Amino acid sequence: MAGSLGGRVLYVATALPNDDPDLRRRVSLHRLRRPAAWGTVEAGDLDRVPGEADNWDAVLLDSLTLWVSARLYAVGEEETLASFGGFLEEISPHPRPFVLVSDEVGLGVVPESAEGRVFRDVLGAANQRAARAADEVHLCVAGIGVRIK
């Protein structure tokens, strides 16, 4: 979808591979598959993304799930949601399209651990805020996208 928004896409990578060899491998493969015309910002913090977007046709943030996960355990629930709310306010008037990719974690079983339930709730709240702010919302199931807003 982001490719159809224009040739010059700013890809915002939120995965922080750190010491995880499997994630480092996946990130390397993903870098190789991205179009050469795309730019990349690796962002644990979304503050600089709106300013970087000025030089691109569109912005693809992949993924909100990984960003929430990293941010939640670094700064807590309230700061994570406040930071994301500020990001949404900042990109709202932006002339470039922003595409946010996130997982829907509320459709499965209730996580067994308290930590897992907090993550599900915070990501669910972030997804709801993103959906309210978005012009369009699409749900992808088995590789098939369905517009729900």
N, C-alpha and C. Protein backbone atom coordinates (compact mmCIF):
# COMPACT_ATOMS: atom_id res chain seq x y z
N MET A 1 0.82 -1.19 0.00
CA MET A 1 0.00 0.00 0.00
C MET A 1 0.86 1.26 0.00
N ALA A 2 1.90 1.28 0.85
CA ALA A 2 2.73 2.48 0.91
C ALA A 2 3.41 2.76 -0.41
N GLY A 3 3.78 1.72 -1.14
CA GLY A 3 4.40 1.90 -2.44
C GLY A 3 3.49 2.61 -3.41
N SER A 4 2.18 2.43 -3.26
CA SER A 4 1.23 3.09 -4.16
C SER A 4 1.03 4.56 -3.79
N LEU A 5 1.55 4.99 -2.67
CA LEU A 5 1.40 6.38 -2.24
C LEU A 5 2.43 7.29 -2.90
N GLY A 6 3.42 6.73 -3.50
CA GLY A 6 4.47 7.52 -4.14
C GLY A 6 5.75 6.71 -4.15
N GLY A 7 6.67 7.11 -5.00
CA GLY A 7 7.90 6.35 -5.13
C GLY A 7 8.87 6.53 -3.98
N ARG A 8 8.80 7.67 -3.34
CA ARG A 8 9.77 7.96 -2.27
C ARG A 8 9.07 7.83 -0.91
N VAL A 9 9.30 6.68 -0.30
CA VAL A 9 8.66 6.37 0.98
C VAL A 9 9.72 6.39 2.07
N LEU A 10 9.40 7.02 3.18
CA LEU A 10 10.25 6.98 4.37
C LEU A 10 9.76 5.82 5.23
N TYR A 11 10.59 4.82 5.39
CA TYR A 11 10.26 3.64 6.19
C TYR A 11 10.76 3.88 7.61
N VAL A 12 9.86 3.85 8.57
CA VAL A 12 10.21 4.03 9.97
C VAL A 12 10.25 2.66 10.62
N ALA A 13 11.45 2.20 10.89
CA ALA A 13 11.66 0.87 11.48
C ALA A 13 11.69 1.00 13.00
N THR A 14 10.82 0.26 13.65
CA THR A 14 10.75 0.35 15.11
C THR A 14 11.34 -0.86 15.82
N ALA A 15 11.75 -1.88 15.06
CA ALA A 15 12.35 -3.08 15.67
C ALA A 15 13.72 -2.73 16.24
N LEU A 16 13.95 -3.13 17.46
CA LEU A 16 15.25 -2.92 18.10
C LEU A 16 15.87 -4.29 18.34
N PRO A 17 16.68 -4.80 17.39
CA PRO A 17 17.14 -6.18 17.47
C PRO A 17 18.06 -6.49 18.64
N ASN A 18 18.81 -5.51 19.12
CA ASN A 18 19.70 -5.69 20.27
C ASN A 18 20.47 -7.00 20.19
N ASP A 19 20.31 -7.87 21.19
CA ASP A 19 21.09 -9.11 21.26
C ASP A 19 20.33 -10.32 20.75
N ASP A 20 19.24 -10.12 20.04
CA ASP A 20 18.43 -11.22 19.54
C ASP A 20 18.90 -11.58 18.13
N PRO A 21 19.63 -12.71 17.97
CA PRO A 21 20.16 -13.04 16.64
C PRO A 21 19.07 -13.29 15.60
N ASP A 22 17.95 -13.88 16.00
CA ASP A 22 16.88 -14.13 15.04
C ASP A 22 16.28 -12.81 14.55
N LEU A 23 16.05 -11.88 15.46
CA LEU A 23 15.49 -10.59 15.05
C LEU A 23 16.49 -9.83 14.19
N ARG A 24 17.78 -9.90 14.51
CA ARG A 24 18.79 -9.24 13.68
C ARG A 24 18.77 -9.82 12.26
N ARG A 25 18.60 -11.13 12.13
CA ARG A 25 18.52 -11.78 10.83
C ARG A 25 17.30 -11.29 10.06
N ARG A 26 16.16 -11.22 10.76
CA ARG A 26 14.92 -10.77 10.12
C ARG A 26 15.02 -9.32 9.65
N VAL A 27 15.63 -8.48 10.48
CA VAL A 27 15.81 -7.07 10.11
C VAL A 27 16.71 -6.97 8.88
N SER A 28 17.78 -7.76 8.82
CA SER A 28 18.68 -7.74 7.66
C SER A 28 17.95 -8.15 6.39
N LEU A 29 17.13 -9.20 6.47
CA LEU A 29 16.36 -9.64 5.30
C LEU A 29 15.36 -8.56 4.87
N HIS A 30 14.74 -7.92 5.85
CA HIS A 30 13.76 -6.88 5.54
C HIS A 30 14.43 -5.71 4.84
N ARG A 31 15.61 -5.34 5.30
CA ARG A 31 16.35 -4.24 4.65
C ARG A 31 16.63 -4.56 3.19
N LEU A 32 16.99 -5.80 2.91
CA LEU A 32 17.29 -6.21 1.53
C LEU A 32 16.06 -6.18 0.64
N ARG A 33 14.87 -6.43 1.20
CA ARG A 33 13.64 -6.48 0.41
C ARG A 33 13.03 -5.11 0.15
N ARG A 34 13.41 -4.10 0.92
CA ARG A 34 12.82 -2.78 0.74
C ARG A 34 13.32 -2.15 -0.56
N PRO A 35 12.45 -1.41 -1.25
CA PRO A 35 12.88 -0.73 -2.49
C PRO A 35 14.02 0.24 -2.23
N ALA A 36 14.92 0.34 -3.20
CA ALA A 36 16.10 1.19 -3.07
C ALA A 36 15.75 2.66 -2.92
N ALA A 37 14.61 3.09 -3.47
CA ALA A 37 14.21 4.50 -3.40
C ALA A 37 13.70 4.90 -2.01
N TRP A 38 13.45 3.92 -1.17
CA TRP A 38 12.92 4.22 0.16
C TRP A 38 14.05 4.66 1.09
N GLY A 39 13.72 5.60 1.97
CA GLY A 39 14.64 5.98 3.03
C GLY A 39 14.26 5.22 4.29
N THR A 40 15.17 5.20 5.24
CA THR A 40 14.90 4.48 6.48
C THR A 40 15.29 5.33 7.68
N VAL A 41 14.40 5.35 8.66
CA VAL A 41 14.70 5.93 9.96
C VAL A 41 14.47 4.82 10.97
N GLU A 42 15.48 4.52 11.77
CA GLU A 42 15.30 3.55 12.84
C GLU A 42 14.95 4.35 14.07
N ALA A 43 13.73 4.12 14.56
CA ALA A 43 13.20 5.02 15.59
C ALA A 43 12.66 4.28 16.79
N GLY A 44 13.37 4.39 17.90
CA GLY A 44 12.81 3.98 19.17
C GLY A 44 11.97 5.13 19.71
N ASP A 45 12.25 6.32 19.19
CA ASP A 45 11.54 7.53 19.58
C ASP A 45 10.95 8.14 18.32
N LEU A 46 9.66 8.45 18.34
CA LEU A 46 8.99 8.95 17.14
C LEU A 46 9.07 10.46 16.97
N ASP A 47 9.69 11.16 17.90
CA ASP A 47 9.71 12.63 17.86
C ASP A 47 10.28 13.21 16.58
N ARG A 48 11.29 12.59 16.01
CA ARG A 48 11.93 13.19 14.83
C ARG A 48 11.26 12.80 13.52
N VAL A 49 10.33 11.86 13.54
CA VAL A 49 9.73 11.35 12.31
C VAL A 49 8.96 12.42 11.53
N PRO A 50 8.09 13.23 12.16
CA PRO A 50 7.35 14.23 11.36
C PRO A 50 8.26 15.19 10.60
N GLY A 51 9.35 15.61 11.20
CA GLY A 51 10.29 16.50 10.52
C GLY A 51 11.00 15.83 9.37
N GLU A 52 11.33 14.54 9.53
CA GLU A 52 11.99 13.77 8.47
C GLU A 52 11.04 13.56 7.28
N ALA A 53 9.74 13.56 7.53
CA ALA A 53 8.74 13.23 6.50
C ALA A 53 8.67 14.27 5.40
N ASP A 54 9.13 15.48 5.65
CA ASP A 54 9.01 16.56 4.66
C ASP A 54 9.66 16.25 3.32
N ASN A 55 10.67 15.39 3.32
CA ASN A 55 11.42 15.11 2.09
C ASN A 55 10.94 13.86 1.36
N TRP A 56 9.79 13.31 1.76
CA TRP A 56 9.32 12.04 1.21
C TRP A 56 7.88 12.16 0.74
N ASP A 57 7.45 11.23 -0.12
CA ASP A 57 6.07 11.22 -0.61
C ASP A 57 5.11 10.64 0.42
N ALA A 58 5.58 9.72 1.24
CA ALA A 58 4.74 9.05 2.23
C ALA A 58 5.64 8.49 3.32
N VAL A 59 5.02 8.16 4.45
CA VAL A 59 5.75 7.58 5.58
C VAL A 59 5.06 6.27 5.95
N LEU A 60 5.87 5.24 6.13
CA LEU A 60 5.37 3.93 6.55
C LEU A 60 6.03 3.57 7.87
N LEU A 61 5.25 3.54 8.94
CA LEU A 61 5.75 3.18 10.27
C LEU A 61 5.45 1.70 10.50
N ASP A 62 6.50 0.90 10.64
CA ASP A 62 6.36 -0.55 10.79
C ASP A 62 7.25 -1.02 11.94
N SER A 63 6.74 -1.24 13.07
CA SER A 63 5.33 -1.34 13.39
C SER A 63 5.05 -0.66 14.72
N LEU A 64 3.81 -0.27 14.87
CA LEU A 64 3.37 0.31 16.14
C LEU A 64 3.49 -0.72 17.25
N THR A 65 3.26 -1.97 16.93
CA THR A 65 3.35 -3.05 17.92
C THR A 65 4.74 -3.10 18.56
N LEU A 66 5.77 -3.10 17.72
CA LEU A 66 7.14 -3.17 18.24
C LEU A 66 7.51 -1.90 18.99
N TRP A 67 7.03 -0.75 18.49
CA TRP A 67 7.32 0.50 19.18
C TRP A 67 6.69 0.51 20.57
N VAL A 68 5.42 0.12 20.66
CA VAL A 68 4.74 0.07 21.97
C VAL A 68 5.47 -0.89 22.90
N SER A 69 5.84 -2.04 22.40
CA SER A 69 6.53 -3.02 23.23
C SER A 69 7.81 -2.46 23.82
N ALA A 70 8.65 -1.87 22.99
CA ALA A 70 9.92 -1.32 23.47
C ALA A 70 9.69 -0.13 24.40
N ARG A 71 8.78 0.74 24.01
CA ARG A 71 8.53 1.96 24.79
C ARG A 71 7.87 1.65 26.13
N LEU A 72 6.90 0.73 26.12
CA LEU A 72 6.15 0.38 27.32
C LEU A 72 7.06 -0.09 28.44
N TYR A 73 8.01 -0.94 28.10
CA TYR A 73 8.88 -1.48 29.14
C TYR A 73 10.01 -0.53 29.51
N ALA A 74 10.22 0.50 28.71
CA ALA A 74 11.23 1.50 29.04
C ALA A 74 10.66 2.62 29.91
N VAL A 75 9.40 3.06 29.61
CA VAL A 75 8.88 4.24 30.30
C VAL A 75 7.51 4.05 30.95
N GLY A 76 6.85 2.93 30.72
CA GLY A 76 5.55 2.69 31.35
C GLY A 76 4.36 3.04 30.47
N GLU A 77 3.19 2.68 30.97
CA GLU A 77 1.93 2.82 30.22
C GLU A 77 1.60 4.26 29.88
N GLU A 78 1.55 5.11 30.91
CA GLU A 78 1.10 6.49 30.71
C GLU A 78 1.99 7.25 29.75
N GLU A 79 3.31 7.14 29.93
CA GLU A 79 4.24 7.86 29.07
C GLU A 79 4.19 7.33 27.64
N THR A 80 4.01 6.02 27.48
CA THR A 80 3.91 5.43 26.13
C THR A 80 2.71 6.01 25.40
N LEU A 81 1.55 6.00 26.05
CA LEU A 81 0.34 6.51 25.39
C LEU A 81 0.40 8.02 25.21
N ALA A 82 0.99 8.73 26.14
CA ALA A 82 1.13 10.19 25.99
C ALA A 82 2.05 10.51 24.81
N SER A 83 3.16 9.80 24.71
CA SER A 83 4.09 10.01 23.61
C SER A 83 3.43 9.71 22.27
N PHE A 84 2.67 8.63 22.19
CA PHE A 84 1.99 8.28 20.94
C PHE A 84 0.92 9.31 20.61
N GLY A 85 0.20 9.77 21.63
CA GLY A 85 -0.80 10.82 21.40
C GLY A 85 -0.17 12.08 20.84
N GLY A 86 0.99 12.46 21.37
CA GLY A 86 1.70 13.62 20.84
C GLY A 86 2.14 13.41 19.40
N PHE A 87 2.58 12.21 19.08
CA PHE A 87 2.97 11.88 17.71
C PHE A 87 1.78 12.04 16.76
N LEU A 88 0.61 11.49 17.16
CA LEU A 88 -0.59 11.60 16.32
C LEU A 88 -0.99 13.06 16.11
N GLU A 89 -0.91 13.87 17.15
CA GLU A 89 -1.24 15.29 17.02
C GLU A 89 -0.28 15.98 16.05
N GLU A 90 0.99 15.60 16.12
CA GLU A 90 1.98 16.25 15.27
C GLU A 90 1.83 15.87 13.80
N ILE A 91 1.44 14.62 13.53
CA ILE A 91 1.32 14.21 12.12
C ILE A 91 -0.05 14.53 11.53
N SER A 92 -1.02 14.84 12.36
CA SER A 92 -2.38 15.09 11.89
C SER A 92 -2.44 16.16 10.79
N PRO A 93 -1.81 17.31 10.96
CA PRO A 93 -1.89 18.32 9.90
C PRO A 93 -0.86 18.14 8.79
N HIS A 94 -0.02 17.12 8.90
CA HIS A 94 1.08 16.94 7.95
C HIS A 94 0.54 16.66 6.55
N PRO A 95 1.12 17.27 5.53
CA PRO A 95 0.62 17.07 4.16
C PRO A 95 0.95 15.69 3.58
N ARG A 96 1.90 14.98 4.14
CA ARG A 96 2.28 13.66 3.63
C ARG A 96 1.41 12.58 4.26
N PRO A 97 1.07 11.53 3.50
CA PRO A 97 0.33 10.41 4.09
C PRO A 97 1.24 9.60 5.02
N PHE A 98 0.70 9.21 6.15
CA PHE A 98 1.38 8.34 7.11
C PHE A 98 0.59 7.03 7.15
N VAL A 99 1.29 5.91 7.00
CA VAL A 99 0.69 4.59 7.10
C VAL A 99 1.29 3.93 8.33
N LEU A 100 0.44 3.56 9.28
CA LEU A 100 0.90 2.91 10.50
C LEU A 100 0.50 1.44 10.45
N VAL A 101 1.43 0.55 10.67
CA VAL A 101 1.17 -0.88 10.70
C VAL A 101 1.18 -1.33 12.15
N SER A 102 0.16 -2.09 12.53
CA SER A 102 0.07 -2.57 13.91
C SER A 102 -0.63 -3.93 13.93
N ASP A 103 -0.35 -4.69 14.96
CA ASP A 103 -1.03 -5.97 15.14
C ASP A 103 -2.30 -5.76 15.95
N GLU A 104 -3.30 -6.57 15.67
CA GLU A 104 -4.53 -6.58 16.45
C GLU A 104 -4.38 -7.70 17.47
N VAL A 105 -4.12 -7.35 18.72
CA VAL A 105 -3.87 -8.36 19.74
C VAL A 105 -5.10 -8.65 20.59
N GLY A 106 -6.19 -7.96 20.35
CA GLY A 106 -7.38 -8.15 21.15
C GLY A 106 -8.30 -9.25 20.66
N LEU A 107 -7.98 -9.87 19.54
CA LEU A 107 -8.85 -10.90 18.99
C LEU A 107 -8.53 -12.30 19.51
N GLY A 108 -7.39 -12.46 20.15
CA GLY A 108 -6.97 -13.78 20.61
C GLY A 108 -7.33 -14.03 22.06
N VAL A 109 -6.67 -15.00 22.62
CA VAL A 109 -6.91 -15.36 24.02
C VAL A 109 -6.34 -14.28 24.94
N VAL A 110 -6.87 -14.22 26.14
CA VAL A 110 -6.36 -13.28 27.14
C VAL A 110 -4.99 -13.78 27.59
N PRO A 111 -3.96 -12.92 27.54
CA PRO A 111 -2.63 -13.37 27.95
C PRO A 111 -2.63 -13.87 29.40
N GLU A 112 -1.83 -14.88 29.64
CA GLU A 112 -1.75 -15.48 30.96
C GLU A 112 -1.09 -14.58 31.99
N SER A 113 -0.06 -13.84 31.56
CA SER A 113 0.69 -13.01 32.50
C SER A 113 0.11 -11.61 32.60
N ALA A 114 0.33 -10.99 33.76
CA ALA A 114 -0.10 -9.60 33.94
C ALA A 114 0.63 -8.69 32.95
N GLU A 115 1.90 -8.95 32.71
CA GLU A 115 2.69 -8.16 31.77
C GLU A 115 2.09 -8.25 30.36
N GLY A 116 1.70 -9.44 29.96
CA GLY A 116 1.09 -9.64 28.64
C GLY A 116 -0.24 -8.92 28.53
N ARG A 117 -1.02 -8.92 29.61
CA ARG A 117 -2.32 -8.23 29.58
C ARG A 117 -2.12 -6.72 29.50
N VAL A 118 -1.13 -6.19 30.20
CA VAL A 118 -0.84 -4.75 30.13
C VAL A 118 -0.44 -4.39 28.70
N PHE A 119 0.45 -5.20 28.10
CA PHE A 119 0.86 -4.93 26.72
C PHE A 119 -0.35 -4.92 25.78
N ARG A 120 -1.20 -5.93 25.89
CA ARG A 120 -2.40 -6.02 25.04
C ARG A 120 -3.27 -4.78 25.23
N ASP A 121 -3.46 -4.35 26.46
CA ASP A 121 -4.32 -3.19 26.72
C ASP A 121 -3.72 -1.89 26.19
N VAL A 122 -2.41 -1.71 26.37
CA VAL A 122 -1.77 -0.47 25.90
C VAL A 122 -1.74 -0.45 24.37
N LEU A 123 -1.39 -1.56 23.74
CA LEU A 123 -1.41 -1.59 22.28
C LEU A 123 -2.83 -1.39 21.76
N GLY A 124 -3.81 -1.99 22.42
CA GLY A 124 -5.20 -1.79 22.02
C GLY A 124 -5.60 -0.32 22.10
N ALA A 125 -5.19 0.35 23.17
CA ALA A 125 -5.49 1.78 23.31
C ALA A 125 -4.80 2.60 22.22
N ALA A 126 -3.53 2.26 21.92
CA ALA A 126 -2.81 2.97 20.85
C ALA A 126 -3.49 2.73 19.50
N ASN A 127 -3.89 1.49 19.24
CA ASN A 127 -4.58 1.19 17.98
C ASN A 127 -5.88 1.97 17.86
N GLN A 128 -6.63 2.07 18.96
CA GLN A 128 -7.89 2.83 18.94
C GLN A 128 -7.63 4.30 18.65
N ARG A 129 -6.59 4.86 19.27
CA ARG A 129 -6.26 6.27 19.03
C ARG A 129 -5.85 6.49 17.57
N ALA A 130 -5.04 5.56 17.05
CA ALA A 130 -4.61 5.68 15.66
C ALA A 130 -5.81 5.58 14.72
N ALA A 131 -6.72 4.66 14.99
CA ALA A 131 -7.90 4.48 14.14
C ALA A 131 -8.80 5.71 14.16
N ARG A 132 -8.97 6.32 15.34
CA ARG A 132 -9.79 7.54 15.42
C ARG A 132 -9.17 8.67 14.62
N ALA A 133 -7.85 8.76 14.63
CA ALA A 133 -7.15 9.85 13.95
C ALA A 133 -7.03 9.61 12.44
N ALA A 134 -7.17 8.37 12.01
CA ALA A 134 -6.92 8.01 10.61
C ALA A 134 -8.08 8.33 9.69
N ASP A 135 -7.75 8.63 8.45
CA ASP A 135 -8.77 8.78 7.41
C ASP A 135 -9.27 7.41 6.96
N GLU A 136 -8.38 6.44 6.95
CA GLU A 136 -8.72 5.08 6.55
C GLU A 136 -8.11 4.10 7.54
N VAL A 137 -8.81 2.97 7.75
CA VAL A 137 -8.29 1.87 8.56
C VAL A 137 -8.56 0.59 7.79
N HIS A 138 -7.53 -0.23 7.69
CA HIS A 138 -7.64 -1.51 6.99
C HIS A 138 -7.23 -2.63 7.94
N LEU A 139 -7.94 -3.73 7.90
CA LEU A 139 -7.61 -4.94 8.65
C LEU A 139 -7.14 -5.96 7.65
N CYS A 140 -5.99 -6.56 7.89
CA CYS A 140 -5.45 -7.56 6.98
C CYS A 140 -5.51 -8.92 7.68
N VAL A 141 -6.22 -9.86 7.05
CA VAL A 141 -6.35 -11.22 7.57
C VAL A 141 -5.97 -12.18 6.45
N ALA A 142 -5.02 -13.07 6.73
CA ALA A 142 -4.55 -14.04 5.75
C ALA A 142 -4.11 -13.37 4.46
N GLY A 143 -3.49 -12.21 4.58
CA GLY A 143 -2.98 -11.50 3.43
C GLY A 143 -4.00 -10.73 2.63
N ILE A 144 -5.24 -10.69 3.13
CA ILE A 144 -6.31 -9.98 2.43
C ILE A 144 -6.71 -8.76 3.25
N GLY A 145 -6.59 -7.60 2.66
CA GLY A 145 -6.94 -6.36 3.34
C GLY A 145 -8.40 -6.03 3.17
N VAL A 146 -9.03 -5.59 4.26
CA VAL A 146 -10.44 -5.17 4.24
C VAL A 146 -10.51 -3.78 4.86
N ARG A 147 -11.05 -2.83 4.12
CA ARG A 147 -11.21 -1.48 4.66
C ARG A 147 -12.35 -1.48 5.68
N ILE A 148 -12.03 -1.03 6.92
CA ILE A 148 -13.05 -1.00 7.96
C ILE A 148 -13.43 0.44 8.34
N LYS A 149 -12.69 1.38 7.83
CA LYS A 149 -13.04 2.81 8.02
C LYS A 149 -12.60 3.56 6.80
